[in-house]
Amino acid sequence: MTTLVTGATGFIGSAIVRQLLAEGEAVRVLVRSESDTVNLRGLELEYRFGDLRDPVAGREQRHPLARRP
């Protein structure tokens, strides 16, 4: 299963992405085109560029991190 992470370019989001990858999870990140992705460099990720306020980007199934066990 692939986990979609929003907010992945930030300090906390990038740490969560790294933890998911360390656990062997496949990770997809949704980032705005103008976002600085320096915190994600070198990581094996699937990038999706868009904005959650955009109805097209919101069509994917989301798994809010706050609910992750």
PDB file of N, CA and C in Angstrom:
ATOM      1  N   MET A   1       0.837  -1.171   0.000  1.00  0.00           N
ATOM      2  CA  MET A   1       0.000   0.000   0.000  1.00  0.00           C
ATOM      3  C   MET A   1       0.887   1.240   0.000  1.00  0.00           C
ATOM      4  N   THR A   2       0.423   2.267  -0.667  1.00  0.00           N
ATOM      5  CA  THR A   2       1.146   3.532  -0.732  1.00  0.00           C
ATOM      6  C   THR A   2       0.487   4.536   0.195  1.00  0.00           C
ATOM      7  N   THR A   3       1.293   5.229   0.967  1.00  0.00           N
ATOM      8  CA  THR A   3       0.788   6.261   1.867  1.00  0.00           C
ATOM      9  C   THR A   3       0.999   7.617   1.219  1.00  0.00           C
ATOM     10  N   LEU A   4      -0.067   8.400   1.121  1.00  0.00           N
ATOM     11  CA  LEU A   4       0.008   9.758   0.604  1.00  0.00           C
ATOM     12  C   LEU A   4       0.273  10.698   1.760  1.00  0.00           C
ATOM     13  N   VAL A   5       1.339  11.481   1.639  1.00  0.00           N
ATOM     14  CA  VAL A   5       1.706  12.419   2.696  1.00  0.00           C
ATOM     15  C   VAL A   5       1.566  13.832   2.152  1.00  0.00           C
ATOM     16  N   THR A   6       0.776  14.636   2.837  1.00  0.00           N
ATOM     17  CA  THR A   6       0.701  16.061   2.540  1.00  0.00           C
ATOM     18  C   THR A   6       1.555  16.781   3.573  1.00  0.00           C
ATOM     19  N   GLY A   7       2.079  17.927   3.221  1.00  0.00           N
ATOM     20  CA  GLY A   7       2.949  18.651   4.154  1.00  0.00           C
ATOM     21  C   GLY A   7       4.326  18.032   4.266  1.00  0.00           C
ATOM     22  N   ALA A   8       4.708  17.226   3.285  1.00  0.00           N
ATOM     23  CA  ALA A   8       5.965  16.474   3.349  1.00  0.00           C
ATOM     24  C   ALA A   8       7.207  17.332   3.191  1.00  0.00           C
ATOM     25  N   THR A   9       7.075  18.547   2.686  1.00  0.00           N
ATOM     26  CA  THR A   9       8.263  19.386   2.490  1.00  0.00           C
ATOM     27  C   THR A   9       8.695  20.095   3.765  1.00  0.00           C
ATOM     28  N   GLY A  10       7.862  20.065   4.778  1.00  0.00           N
ATOM     29  CA  GLY A  10       8.195  20.719   6.041  1.00  0.00           C
ATOM     30  C   GLY A  10       9.067  19.844   6.935  1.00  0.00           C
ATOM     31  N   PHE A  11       9.476  20.398   8.048  1.00  0.00           N
ATOM     32  CA  PHE A  11      10.365  19.707   8.986  1.00  0.00           C
ATOM     33  C   PHE A  11       9.725  18.427   9.519  1.00  0.00           C
ATOM     34  N   ILE A  12       8.510  18.530  10.024  1.00  0.00           N
ATOM     35  CA  ILE A  12       7.837  17.362  10.598  1.00  0.00           C
ATOM     36  C   ILE A  12       7.413  16.395   9.502  1.00  0.00           C
ATOM     37  N   GLY A  13       6.837  16.931   8.425  1.00  0.00           N
ATOM     38  CA  GLY A  13       6.391  16.078   7.327  1.00  0.00           C
ATOM     39  C   GLY A  13       7.510  15.259   6.724  1.00  0.00           C
ATOM     40  N   SER A  14       8.669  15.873   6.538  1.00  0.00           N
ATOM     41  CA  SER A  14       9.797  15.137   5.953  1.00  0.00           C
ATOM     42  C   SER A  14      10.310  14.066   6.913  1.00  0.00           C
ATOM     43  N   ALA A  15      10.229  14.329   8.215  1.00  0.00           N
ATOM     44  CA  ALA A  15      10.629  13.307   9.198  1.00  0.00           C
ATOM     45  C   ALA A  15       9.660  12.127   9.151  1.00  0.00           C
ATOM     46  N   ILE A  16       8.391  12.409   8.974  1.00  0.00           N
ATOM     47  CA  ILE A  16       7.398  11.339   8.865  1.00  0.00           C
ATOM     48  C   ILE A  16       7.641  10.522   7.605  1.00  0.00           C
ATOM     49  N   VAL A  17       7.941  11.198   6.499  1.00  0.00           N
ATOM     50  CA  VAL A  17       8.249  10.501   5.247  1.00  0.00           C
ATOM     51  C   VAL A  17       9.441   9.573   5.446  1.00  0.00           C
ATOM     52  N   ARG A  18      10.492  10.066   6.083  1.00  0.00           N
ATOM     53  CA  ARG A  18      11.689   9.243   6.318  1.00  0.00           C
ATOM     54  C   ARG A  18      11.359   8.030   7.180  1.00  0.00           C
ATOM     55  N   GLN A  19      10.512   8.208   8.178  1.00  0.00           N
ATOM     56  CA  GLN A  19      10.130   7.092   9.049  1.00  0.00           C
ATOM     57  C   GLN A  19       9.333   6.049   8.271  1.00  0.00           C
ATOM     58  N   LEU A  20       8.396   6.509   7.460  1.00  0.00           N
ATOM     59  CA  LEU A  20       7.608   5.578   6.643  1.00  0.00           C
ATOM     60  C   LEU A  20       8.508   4.779   5.708  1.00  0.00           C
ATOM     61  N   LEU A  21       9.454   5.457   5.074  1.00  0.00           N
ATOM     62  CA  LEU A  21      10.385   4.766   4.179  1.00  0.00           C
ATOM     63  C   LEU A  21      11.237   3.759   4.946  1.00  0.00           C
ATOM     64  N   ALA A  22      11.676   4.129   6.149  1.00  0.00           N
ATOM     65  CA  ALA A  22      12.474   3.222   6.974  1.00  0.00           C
ATOM     66  C   ALA A  22      11.682   1.977   7.359  1.00  0.00           C
ATOM     67  N   GLU A  23      10.363   2.126   7.450  1.00  0.00           N
ATOM     68  CA  GLU A  23       9.489   0.991   7.776  1.00  0.00           C
ATOM     69  C   GLU A  23       9.124   0.183   6.534  1.00  0.00           C
ATOM     70  N   GLY A  24       9.657   0.577   5.385  1.00  0.00           N
ATOM     71  CA  GLY A  24       9.418  -0.166   4.160  1.00  0.00           C
ATOM     72  C   GLY A  24       8.155   0.229   3.408  1.00  0.00           C
ATOM     73  N   GLU A  25       7.543   1.313   3.808  1.00  0.00           N
ATOM     74  CA  GLU A  25       6.318   1.777   3.156  1.00  0.00           C
ATOM     75  C   GLU A  25       6.649   2.465   1.830  1.00  0.00           C
ATOM     76  N   ALA A  26       5.750   2.343   0.872  1.00  0.00           N
ATOM     77  CA  ALA A  26       5.820   3.137  -0.353  1.00  0.00           C
ATOM     78  C   ALA A  26       5.184   4.481  -0.036  1.00  0.00           C
ATOM     79  N   VAL A  27       5.820   5.558  -0.459  1.00  0.00           N
ATOM     80  CA  VAL A  27       5.341   6.891  -0.096  1.00  0.00           C
ATOM     81  C   VAL A  27       5.121   7.737  -1.344  1.00  0.00           C
ATOM     82  N   ARG A  28       3.971   8.388  -1.366  1.00  0.00           N
ATOM     83  CA  ARG A  28       3.647   9.375  -2.399  1.00  0.00           C
ATOM     84  C   ARG A  28       3.468  10.695  -1.671  1.00  0.00           C
ATOM     85  N   VAL A  29       4.036  11.758  -2.208  1.00  0.00           N
ATOM     86  CA  VAL A  29       3.901  13.071  -1.586  1.00  0.00           C
ATOM     87  C   VAL A  29       3.166  14.009  -2.522  1.00  0.00           C
ATOM     88  N   LEU A  30       2.283  14.799  -1.954  1.00  0.00           N
ATOM     89  CA  LEU A  30       1.584  15.839  -2.696  1.00  0.00           C
ATOM     90  C   LEU A  30       2.221  17.162  -2.306  1.00  0.00           C
ATOM     91  N   VAL A  31       2.851  17.816  -3.278  1.00  0.00           N
ATOM     92  CA  VAL A  31       3.522  19.088  -3.009  1.00  0.00           C
ATOM     93  C   VAL A  31       3.061  20.131  -4.016  1.00  0.00           C
ATOM     94  N   ARG A  32       3.027  21.368  -3.558  1.00  0.00           N
ATOM     95  CA  ARG A  32       2.725  22.461  -4.473  1.00  0.00           C
ATOM     96  C   ARG A  32       3.937  22.701  -5.353  1.00  0.00           C
ATOM     97  N   SER A  33       3.700  23.122  -6.573  1.00  0.00           N
ATOM     98  CA  SER A  33       4.797  23.295  -7.533  1.00  0.00           C
ATOM     99  C   SER A  33       5.831  24.304  -7.055  1.00  0.00           C
ATOM    100  N   GLU A  34       5.426  25.263  -6.230  1.00  0.00           N
ATOM    101  CA  GLU A  34       6.370  26.274  -5.751  1.00  0.00           C
ATOM    102  C   GLU A  34       7.069  25.888  -4.444  1.00  0.00           C
ATOM    103  N   SER A  35       6.769  24.704  -3.911  1.00  0.00           N
ATOM    104  CA  SER A  35       7.366  24.269  -2.643  1.00  0.00           C
ATOM    105  C   SER A  35       8.840  23.923  -2.794  1.00  0.00           C
ATOM    106  N   ASP A  36       9.588  24.214  -1.745  1.00  0.00           N
ATOM    107  CA  ASP A  36      11.003  23.854  -1.691  1.00  0.00           C
ATOM    108  C   ASP A  36      11.092  22.399  -1.227  1.00  0.00           C
ATOM    109  N   THR A  37      11.622  21.535  -2.063  1.00  0.00           N
ATOM    110  CA  THR A  37      11.674  20.103  -1.751  1.00  0.00           C
ATOM    111  C   THR A  37      13.036  19.659  -1.224  1.00  0.00           C
ATOM    112  N   VAL A  38      13.834  20.590  -0.736  1.00  0.00           N
ATOM    113  CA  VAL A  38      15.176  20.254  -0.255  1.00  0.00           C
ATOM    114  C   VAL A  38      15.142  19.173   0.829  1.00  0.00           C
ATOM    115  N   ASN A  39      14.118  19.155   1.677  1.00  0.00           N
ATOM    116  CA  ASN A  39      14.030  18.153   2.749  1.00  0.00           C
ATOM    117  C   ASN A  39      13.734  16.749   2.229  1.00  0.00           C
ATOM    118  N   LEU A  40      13.381  16.645   0.952  1.00  0.00           N
ATOM    119  CA  LEU A  40      13.037  15.341   0.379  1.00  0.00           C
ATOM    120  C   LEU A  40      14.078  14.830  -0.609  1.00  0.00           C
ATOM    121  N   ARG A  41      15.105  15.593  -0.831  1.00  0.00           N
ATOM    122  CA  ARG A  41      16.123  15.206  -1.813  1.00  0.00           C
ATOM    123  C   ARG A  41      16.767  13.878  -1.452  1.00  0.00           C
ATOM    124  N   GLY A  42      16.943  13.058  -2.483  1.00  0.00           N
ATOM    125  CA  GLY A  42      17.619  11.778  -2.291  1.00  0.00           C
ATOM    126  C   GLY A  42      16.720  10.654  -1.796  1.00  0.00           C
ATOM    127  N   LEU A  43      15.451  10.947  -1.568  1.00  0.00           N
ATOM    128  CA  LEU A  43      14.532   9.922  -1.084  1.00  0.00           C
ATOM    129  C   LEU A  43      13.785   9.302  -2.253  1.00  0.00           C
ATOM    130  N   GLU A  44      13.491   8.026  -2.133  1.00  0.00           N
ATOM    131  CA  GLU A  44      12.775   7.292  -3.175  1.00  0.00           C
ATOM    132  C   GLU A  44      11.277   7.490  -2.972  1.00  0.00           C
ATOM    133  N   LEU A  45      10.729   8.495  -3.666  1.00  0.00           N
ATOM    134  CA  LEU A  45       9.337   8.885  -3.486  1.00  0.00           C
ATOM    135  C   LEU A  45       8.622   8.984  -4.819  1.00  0.00           C
ATOM    136  N   GLU A  46       7.315   8.943  -4.743  1.00  0.00           N
ATOM    137  CA  GLU A  46       6.487   9.282  -5.903  1.00  0.00           C
ATOM    138  C   GLU A  46       5.947  10.684  -5.639  1.00  0.00           C
ATOM    139  N   TYR A  47       6.254  11.613  -6.525  1.00  0.00           N
ATOM    140  CA  TYR A  47       5.810  12.989  -6.376  1.00  0.00           C
ATOM    141  C   TYR A  47       4.525  13.219  -7.156  1.00  0.00           C
ATOM    142  N   ARG A  48       3.605  13.936  -6.539  1.00  0.00           N
ATOM    143  CA  ARG A  48       2.427  14.461  -7.207  1.00  0.00           C
ATOM    144  C   ARG A  48       2.422  15.955  -6.920  1.00  0.00           C
ATOM    145  N   PHE A  49       2.329  16.736  -7.948  1.00  0.00           N
ATOM    146  CA  PHE A  49       2.320  18.178  -7.770  1.00  0.00           C
ATOM    147  C   PHE A  49       0.895  18.682  -7.873  1.00  0.00           C
ATOM    148  N   GLY A  50       0.481  19.425  -6.862  1.00  0.00           N
ATOM    149  CA  GLY A  50      -0.867  19.964  -6.828  1.00  0.00           C
ATOM    150  C   GLY A  50      -1.131  20.620  -5.488  1.00  0.00           C
ATOM    151  N   ASP A  51      -2.378  20.921  -5.247  1.00  0.00           N
ATOM    152  CA  ASP A  51      -2.802  21.611  -4.040  1.00  0.00           C
ATOM    153  C   ASP A  51      -4.091  20.955  -3.562  1.00  0.00           C
ATOM    154  N   LEU A  52      -4.213  20.716  -2.281  1.00  0.00           N
ATOM    155  CA  LEU A  52      -5.415  20.071  -1.743  1.00  0.00           C
ATOM    156  C   LEU A  52      -6.675  20.887  -2.004  1.00  0.00           C
ATOM    157  N   ARG A  53      -6.497  22.182  -2.225  1.00  0.00           N
ATOM    158  CA  ARG A  53      -7.660  23.018  -2.525  1.00  0.00           C
ATOM    159  C   ARG A  53      -8.148  22.817  -3.956  1.00  0.00           C
ATOM    160  N   ASP A  54      -7.338  22.115  -4.748  1.00  0.00           N
ATOM    161  CA  ASP A  54      -7.691  21.824  -6.138  1.00  0.00           C
ATOM    162  C   ASP A  54      -8.517  20.540  -6.162  1.00  0.00           C
ATOM    163  N   PRO A  55      -9.718  20.569  -6.725  1.00  0.00           N
ATOM    164  CA  PRO A  55     -10.571  19.369  -6.720  1.00  0.00           C
ATOM    165  C   PRO A  55      -9.937  18.155  -7.405  1.00  0.00           C
ATOM    166  N   VAL A  56      -9.094  18.367  -8.391  1.00  0.00           N
ATOM    167  CA  VAL A  56      -8.443  17.243  -9.074  1.00  0.00           C
ATOM    168  C   VAL A  56      -7.461  16.557  -8.129  1.00  0.00           C
ATOM    169  N   ALA A  57      -6.689  17.318  -7.390  1.00  0.00           N
ATOM    170  CA  ALA A  57      -5.724  16.743  -6.447  1.00  0.00           C
ATOM    171  C   ALA A  57      -6.444  16.026  -5.312  1.00  0.00           C
ATOM    172  N   GLY A  58      -7.625  16.489  -4.952  1.00  0.00           N
ATOM    173  CA  GLY A  58      -8.371  15.907  -3.846  1.00  0.00           C
ATOM    174  C   GLY A  58      -9.064  14.597  -4.163  1.00  0.00           C
ATOM    175  N   ARG A  59      -8.958  14.122  -5.387  1.00  0.00           N
ATOM    176  CA  ARG A  59      -9.626  12.879  -5.764  1.00  0.00           C
ATOM    177  C   ARG A  59      -8.949  11.635  -5.215  1.00  0.00           C
ATOM    178  N   GLU A  60      -7.675  11.726  -4.907  1.00  0.00           N
ATOM    179  CA  GLU A  60      -6.972  10.551  -4.390  1.00  0.00           C
ATOM    180  C   GLU A  60      -7.440  10.254  -2.969  1.00  0.00           C
ATOM    181  N   GLN A  61      -7.369   9.000  -2.625  1.00  0.00           N
ATOM    182  CA  GLN A  61      -7.707   8.611  -1.261  1.00  0.00           C
ATOM    183  C   GLN A  61      -6.647   9.174  -0.327  1.00  0.00           C
ATOM    184  N   ARG A  62      -7.087   9.804   0.735  1.00  0.00           N
ATOM    185  CA  ARG A  62      -6.156  10.409   1.685  1.00  0.00           C
ATOM    186  C   ARG A  62      -6.153   9.632   2.986  1.00  0.00           C
ATOM    187  N   HIS A  63      -5.000   9.586   3.614  1.00  0.00           N
ATOM    188  CA  HIS A  63      -4.837   8.962   4.922  1.00  0.00           C
ATOM    189  C   HIS A  63      -4.204   9.999   5.830  1.00  0.00           C
ATOM    190  N   PRO A  64      -5.005  10.795   6.535  1.00  0.00           N
ATOM    191  CA  PRO A  64      -4.432  11.842   7.388  1.00  0.00           C
ATOM    192  C   PRO A  64      -3.445  11.245   8.395  1.00  0.00           C
ATOM    193  N   LEU A  65      -2.311  11.882   8.533  1.00  0.00           N
ATOM    194  CA  LEU A  65      -1.261  11.379   9.424  1.00  0.00           C
ATOM    195  C   LEU A  65      -1.705  11.377  10.881  1.00  0.00           C
ATOM    196  N   ALA A  66      -2.591  12.263  11.241  1.00  0.00           N
ATOM    197  CA  ALA A  66      -3.034  12.327  12.626  1.00  0.00           C
ATOM    198  C   ALA A  66      -3.764  11.058  13.053  1.00  0.00           C
ATOM    199  N   ARG A  67      -4.301  10.321  12.076  1.00  0.00           N
ATOM    200  CA  ARG A  67      -5.031   9.101  12.407  1.00  0.00           C
ATOM    201  C   ARG A  67      -4.190   7.852  12.247  1.00  0.00           C
ATOM    202  N   ARG A  68      -2.951   7.982  11.834  1.00  0.00           N
ATOM    203  CA  ARG A  68      -2.112   6.809  11.609  1.00  0.00           C
ATOM    204  C   ARG A  68      -1.717   6.199  12.950  1.00  0.00           C
ATOM    205  N   PRO A  69      -1.909   4.879  13.120  1.00  0.00           N
ATOM    206  CA  PRO A  69      -1.569   4.243  14.411  1.00  0.00           C
ATOM    207  C   PRO A  69      -0.075   4.246  14.678  1.00  0.00           C
TER     208      PRO A  69
END
